[in-house]
Amino acid sequence: YSRLNVRQVVNTITSQKDQFNKFGTFFVYNIMRCAPELSNDAVIKKWTPALRSALKKMEAEKLIEYRAWDPAGIASGRPLTEAGTFALEKGELTLIGNKKALLHYGQNLALFGLKINDVDMRFSYYHPDYLPQNAYRDLNPIDVMQVGYLDMCGDAKGSCEKYFNSYNDGSTTMDEHLTANLLLELGKKNKTIADFMKKNGAAVNRGLLDKYSGKTFEKRLKLDRPFFTRMDSLSKWFSLPYPYQKGDEGKATKFIEMHHRAPFNSTYRANYKAMCGILEKELLK
């Protein structure tokens, strides 16, 4: 079901052709967390006026509505409580991280009329944890299954860059699904992106058949190949960095154990940084 959700979100984003042409590259750059990785705030400085203008328009149109289940209202036939509409804080962007170079996750989604409910499957659609004041809170290092922001180094002291803990379906995260699919869409008009994705193949557009390849999984694939083939036809993913914790020596042991993640190896990191560089160059033209 997560891959069907990905297709729905990608279609919602790309169907807004003018908006996607203008903000699609930035949207991907932001969910990839490229600015903190490259230690560069040039992109956000250049794009702040356009982002602010677009989000103020979204605020004025009141199209992004927040509601939550209200058990007390079920008997009266009003099970949902209204919790306002999307709004910028004091009319300004909310920027995250040490250099304030990362756009708030919810504001990035709002560029395309989306909210966290649309891209996360942990709860029912109107669960209170999807309200903005809950969905974007700072998490403790052990809360690796919750919605919110984790510190990349896991020290919970705010000294590290922030990582939004997007939904993980057991093989990858929603952000990784969105990254791969939207890069392919951007590649339809950007030859550099298209060539990079084609050249690097499964290292940047990875599927279940890639993950479970080799002799180790031969017996499993006798049963699972049709299912994996169907899942890969719906969505593959682009591997992104994830948090580690002190004592892990660069390997996110605790996060891997909880999320069942594959190690983020040197090949993934090299491709990640290269793509961030491609997107940054495009955004700074």
Protein backbone atom coordinates (compact mmCIF):
# COMPACT_ATOMS: atom_id res chain seq x y z
CA TYR A 1 0.00 0.00 0.00
CA SER A 2 2.88 2.41 0.67
CA ARG A 3 3.92 2.24 -2.97
CA LEU A 4 0.39 3.06 -4.10
CA ASN A 5 0.52 6.00 -1.70
CA VAL A 6 3.78 7.11 -3.35
CA ARG A 7 2.18 7.01 -6.79
CA GLN A 8 -0.72 9.13 -5.53
CA VAL A 9 1.59 11.74 -3.97
CA VAL A 10 3.84 11.89 -7.03
CA ASN A 11 0.82 12.34 -9.27
CA THR A 12 -0.50 15.12 -7.03
CA ILE A 13 2.83 16.93 -7.23
CA THR A 14 3.54 16.50 -10.93
CA SER A 15 -0.04 17.25 -12.02
CA GLN A 16 0.54 20.82 -10.80
CA LYS A 17 2.70 21.48 -13.83
CA ASP A 18 3.52 25.15 -13.30
CA GLN A 19 4.23 24.61 -9.61
CA PHE A 20 6.35 21.54 -10.33
CA ASN A 21 8.33 23.34 -13.00
CA LYS A 22 9.06 26.12 -10.54
CA PHE A 23 9.52 24.29 -7.24
CA GLY A 24 10.02 20.61 -8.11
CA THR A 25 13.80 20.76 -7.99
CA PHE A 26 13.78 22.62 -4.68
CA PHE A 27 11.24 20.18 -3.20
CA VAL A 28 13.52 17.22 -3.95
CA TYR A 29 16.64 19.09 -2.81
CA ASN A 30 14.92 19.77 0.50
CA ILE A 31 13.57 16.27 1.22
CA MET A 32 17.05 14.94 0.38
CA ARG A 33 18.42 17.32 3.05
CA CYS A 34 21.10 18.46 0.62
CA ALA A 35 21.76 21.87 2.20
CA PRO A 36 22.97 20.50 5.57
CA GLU A 37 24.96 17.79 3.80
CA LEU A 38 26.73 20.33 1.60
CA SER A 39 26.97 22.88 4.45
CA ASN A 40 25.65 25.50 2.08
CA ASP A 41 22.86 28.02 2.64
CA ALA A 42 23.15 29.66 -0.79
CA VAL A 43 20.06 27.89 -2.15
CA ILE A 44 17.73 28.88 0.67
CA LYS A 45 18.97 32.47 0.56
CA LYS A 46 18.24 32.70 -3.15
CA TRP A 47 14.88 30.93 -2.99
CA THR A 48 13.44 32.46 0.19
CA PRO A 49 11.43 35.23 -1.56
CA ALA A 50 9.82 32.80 -4.03
CA LEU A 51 9.11 30.21 -1.34
CA ARG A 52 7.62 32.80 1.00
CA SER A 53 5.40 34.16 -1.76
CA ALA A 54 4.16 30.70 -2.77
CA LEU A 55 3.42 29.67 0.82
CA LYS A 56 1.66 32.95 1.62
CA LYS A 57 -0.59 32.27 -1.36
CA MET A 58 -1.27 28.77 -0.03
CA GLU A 59 -2.06 30.28 3.36
CA ALA A 60 -4.46 32.82 1.86
CA GLU A 61 -6.33 30.18 -0.14
CA LYS A 62 -6.91 28.08 3.03
CA LEU A 63 -6.82 24.85 1.01
CA ILE A 64 -4.74 22.91 3.55
CA GLU A 65 -7.10 22.15 6.43
CA TYR A 66 -6.17 20.43 9.69
CA ARG A 67 -8.68 18.14 11.38
CA ALA A 68 -8.38 15.43 14.01
CA TRP A 69 -10.57 12.67 15.43
CA ASP A 70 -12.54 13.78 18.47
CA PRO A 71 -13.87 10.77 20.43
CA ALA A 72 -16.14 13.05 22.44
CA GLY A 73 -17.84 14.21 19.27
CA ILE A 74 -18.70 10.80 17.84
CA ALA A 75 -22.00 10.53 19.72
CA SER A 76 -23.12 13.93 18.47
CA GLY A 77 -22.24 13.09 14.87
CA ARG A 78 -19.20 15.39 14.78
CA PRO A 79 -16.23 12.99 15.00
CA LEU A 80 -13.75 15.52 13.58
CA THR A 81 -12.59 18.67 15.27
CA GLU A 82 -11.37 21.60 13.19
CA ALA A 83 -7.78 22.65 13.92
CA GLY A 84 -7.22 25.50 11.51
CA THR A 85 -5.52 25.80 8.14
CA PHE A 86 -1.95 26.06 6.96
CA ALA A 87 -0.19 29.26 8.02
CA LEU A 88 3.35 30.55 8.12
CA GLU A 89 4.66 31.48 11.54
CA LYS A 90 4.54 35.29 11.67
CA GLY A 91 4.49 35.33 7.88
CA GLU A 92 7.98 33.87 7.56
CA LEU A 93 9.54 30.58 6.54
CA THR A 94 10.55 28.16 9.28
CA LEU A 95 14.14 27.14 8.60
CA ILE A 96 15.79 24.16 10.26
CA GLY A 97 19.38 23.26 11.09
CA ASN A 98 22.61 24.89 12.17
CA LYS A 99 22.77 27.13 9.10
CA LYS A 100 18.98 27.51 8.88
CA ALA A 101 19.25 26.16 5.34
CA LEU A 102 16.58 23.45 5.45
CA LEU A 103 12.93 24.37 4.86
CA HIS A 104 10.52 22.98 7.45
CA TYR A 105 9.17 19.61 6.29
CA GLY A 106 5.53 20.69 6.52
CA GLN A 107 6.18 23.89 4.57
CA ASN A 108 7.96 21.93 1.86
CA LEU A 109 4.88 19.70 1.53
CA ALA A 110 2.62 22.75 1.52
CA LEU A 111 4.23 23.98 -1.70
CA PHE A 112 2.07 21.36 -3.40
CA GLY A 113 -0.98 21.56 -1.14
CA LEU A 114 0.07 18.51 0.88
CA LYS A 115 0.27 17.83 4.61
CA ILE A 116 1.90 15.09 6.64
CA ASN A 117 -1.32 13.00 6.60
CA ASP A 118 -0.85 12.59 2.84
CA VAL A 119 2.64 11.08 3.00
CA ASP A 120 2.63 9.09 6.25
CA MET A 121 0.82 5.84 7.05
CA ARG A 122 1.59 5.34 10.72
CA PHE A 123 -1.87 6.38 11.91
CA SER A 124 -5.38 6.88 10.62
CA TYR A 125 -5.64 9.94 8.37
CA TYR A 126 -7.11 12.23 11.03
CA HIS A 127 -5.03 11.01 13.95
CA PRO A 128 -4.12 13.89 16.34
CA ASP A 129 -0.40 13.08 15.95
CA TYR A 130 -0.66 14.48 12.41
CA LEU A 131 -1.59 17.95 13.63
CA PRO A 132 1.34 20.34 12.99
CA GLN A 133 2.10 20.91 16.68
CA ASN A 134 2.57 17.15 17.10
CA ALA A 135 3.95 15.94 13.77
CA TYR A 136 7.01 18.19 13.75
CA ARG A 137 8.13 17.97 17.37
CA ASP A 138 11.69 17.15 18.39
CA LEU A 139 12.07 13.47 19.24
CA ASN A 140 14.29 11.70 21.74
CA PRO A 141 16.98 9.43 20.22
CA ILE A 142 15.03 6.29 21.13
CA ASP A 143 11.86 7.46 19.38
CA VAL A 144 12.96 6.21 15.97
CA MET A 145 9.49 4.95 15.06
CA GLN A 146 7.68 8.21 15.81
CA VAL A 147 6.68 11.17 13.64
CA GLY A 148 8.94 14.18 14.14
CA TYR A 149 12.53 15.41 13.97
CA LEU A 150 15.53 13.40 15.16
CA ASP A 151 19.04 14.77 15.55
CA MET A 152 21.27 13.27 12.87
CA CYS A 153 23.85 12.29 15.51
CA GLY A 154 21.24 11.23 18.05
CA ASP A 155 22.39 13.29 21.01
CA ALA A 156 19.05 15.10 21.57
CA LYS A 157 20.86 18.34 22.45
CA GLY A 158 20.10 20.23 19.28
CA SER A 159 23.75 20.39 18.24
CA CYS A 160 23.28 18.19 15.19
CA GLU A 161 21.46 18.70 11.93
CA LYS A 162 17.80 17.67 11.96
CA TYR A 163 16.35 14.61 10.24
CA PHE A 164 12.60 14.31 9.67
CA ASN A 165 11.70 10.71 10.48
CA SER A 166 9.58 9.97 7.43
CA TYR A 167 7.48 6.81 7.25
CA ASN A 168 9.43 3.59 6.70
CA ASP A 169 7.61 0.70 4.99
CA GLY A 170 10.14 -1.93 6.01
CA SER A 171 12.39 -1.52 3.00
CA THR A 172 12.77 2.24 2.64
CA THR A 173 11.27 5.59 3.61
CA MET A 174 8.65 7.71 1.93
CA ASP A 175 11.28 10.39 1.34
CA GLU A 176 13.48 7.87 -0.49
CA HIS A 177 10.52 6.77 -2.64
CA LEU A 178 9.63 10.37 -3.45
CA THR A 179 13.23 11.24 -4.25
CA ALA A 180 13.66 8.47 -6.84
CA ASN A 181 10.30 9.04 -8.50
CA LEU A 182 10.57 12.82 -8.64
CA LEU A 183 14.17 12.70 -9.91
CA LEU A 184 12.91 10.58 -12.80
CA GLU A 185 10.22 13.19 -13.45
CA LEU A 186 12.76 16.03 -13.30
CA GLY A 187 14.98 14.04 -15.64
CA LYS A 188 12.37 14.34 -18.39
CA LYS A 189 13.46 17.97 -18.78
CA ASN A 190 16.93 17.89 -17.24
CA LYS A 191 19.45 15.81 -19.19
CA THR A 192 22.07 15.92 -16.43
CA ILE A 193 19.67 14.31 -13.94
CA ALA A 194 18.44 11.80 -16.52
CA ASP A 195 21.97 10.76 -17.49
CA PHE A 196 23.01 10.38 -13.84
CA MET A 197 20.01 8.19 -13.02
CA LYS A 198 20.58 6.03 -16.12
CA LYS A 199 24.33 5.69 -15.59
CA ASN A 200 24.06 4.63 -11.93
CA GLY A 201 21.07 2.34 -12.33
CA ALA A 202 20.12 0.32 -9.25
CA ALA A 203 22.54 2.29 -7.08
CA VAL A 204 20.22 5.32 -7.31
CA ASN A 205 16.89 3.77 -8.37
CA ARG A 206 16.81 0.70 -6.18
CA GLY A 207 14.09 -1.92 -5.94
CA LEU A 208 13.29 -5.03 -3.95
CA LEU A 209 14.72 -7.27 -6.68
CA ASP A 210 17.99 -5.36 -6.34
CA LYS A 211 17.99 -5.54 -2.56
CA TYR A 212 17.25 -9.28 -2.48
CA SER A 213 19.58 -10.42 -5.25
CA GLY A 214 22.32 -13.05 -5.18
CA LYS A 215 22.56 -16.64 -4.01
CA THR A 216 21.58 -15.77 -0.44
CA PHE A 217 18.03 -15.02 -1.58
CA GLU A 218 17.57 -17.61 -4.36
CA LYS A 219 15.07 -19.70 -2.39
CA ARG A 220 13.14 -16.68 -1.22
CA LEU A 221 12.86 -15.29 -4.75
CA LYS A 222 11.23 -18.47 -5.98
CA LEU A 223 8.20 -17.36 -3.99
CA ASP A 224 8.63 -13.59 -3.78
CA ARG A 225 9.77 -12.65 -7.30
CA PRO A 226 6.25 -11.93 -8.68
CA PHE A 227 5.41 -9.81 -5.63
CA PHE A 228 8.72 -7.91 -5.72
CA THR A 229 8.33 -7.35 -9.46
CA ARG A 230 4.91 -5.81 -8.91
CA MET A 231 6.16 -3.63 -6.05
CA ASP A 232 9.14 -2.42 -8.09
CA SER A 233 6.83 -1.51 -10.96
CA LEU A 234 5.04 0.89 -8.61
CA SER A 235 8.05 2.52 -6.97
CA LYS A 236 11.77 2.21 -6.35
CA TRP A 237 13.90 4.37 -4.07
CA PHE A 238 17.00 6.58 -3.84
CA SER A 239 19.00 5.85 -0.68
CA LEU A 240 19.34 8.81 1.71
CA PRO A 241 21.45 9.27 4.89
CA TYR A 242 19.79 8.56 8.23
CA PRO A 243 20.67 9.23 11.89
CA TYR A 244 23.41 7.54 13.83
CA GLN A 245 23.87 7.62 17.57
CA LYS A 246 26.90 8.21 19.74
CA GLY A 247 28.90 5.03 20.01
CA ASP A 248 27.85 3.80 16.57
CA GLU A 249 31.10 5.05 15.02
CA GLY A 250 29.30 6.29 11.94
CA LYS A 251 27.09 3.23 11.59
CA ALA A 252 23.51 3.81 12.67
CA THR A 253 23.31 0.59 14.66
CA LYS A 254 20.29 1.46 16.79
CA PHE A 255 18.44 3.04 13.88
CA ILE A 256 19.23 0.08 11.62
CA GLU A 257 17.96 -2.39 14.20
CA MET A 258 14.66 -0.56 14.63
CA HIS A 259 14.09 0.31 10.96
CA HIS A 260 15.71 -2.82 9.50
CA ARG A 261 17.81 -0.52 7.32
CA ALA A 262 20.66 -1.48 5.02
CA PRO A 263 23.94 0.30 5.81
CA PHE A 264 24.39 3.62 4.01
CA ASN A 265 27.60 2.62 2.27
CA SER A 266 30.22 4.70 0.46
CA THR A 267 28.61 4.15 -2.95
CA TYR A 268 25.26 5.47 -1.73
CA ARG A 269 26.92 8.46 -0.09
CA ALA A 270 28.93 9.32 -3.20
CA ASN A 271 25.81 9.18 -5.38
CA TYR A 272 23.84 11.15 -2.84
CA LYS A 273 26.38 13.96 -2.67
CA ALA A 274 26.74 13.99 -6.44
CA MET A 275 22.98 14.35 -6.95
CA CYS A 276 22.81 17.07 -4.31
CA GLY A 277 25.49 18.90 -6.26
CA ILE A 278 23.54 18.57 -9.50
CA LEU A 279 20.37 19.91 -7.90
CA GLU A 280 22.19 22.73 -6.16
CA LYS A 281 23.82 23.84 -9.42
CA GLU A 282 20.40 23.88 -11.08
CA LEU A 283 18.85 25.89 -8.25
CA LEU A 284 21.62 28.48 -8.26
CA LYS A 285 21.44 29.21 -12.00
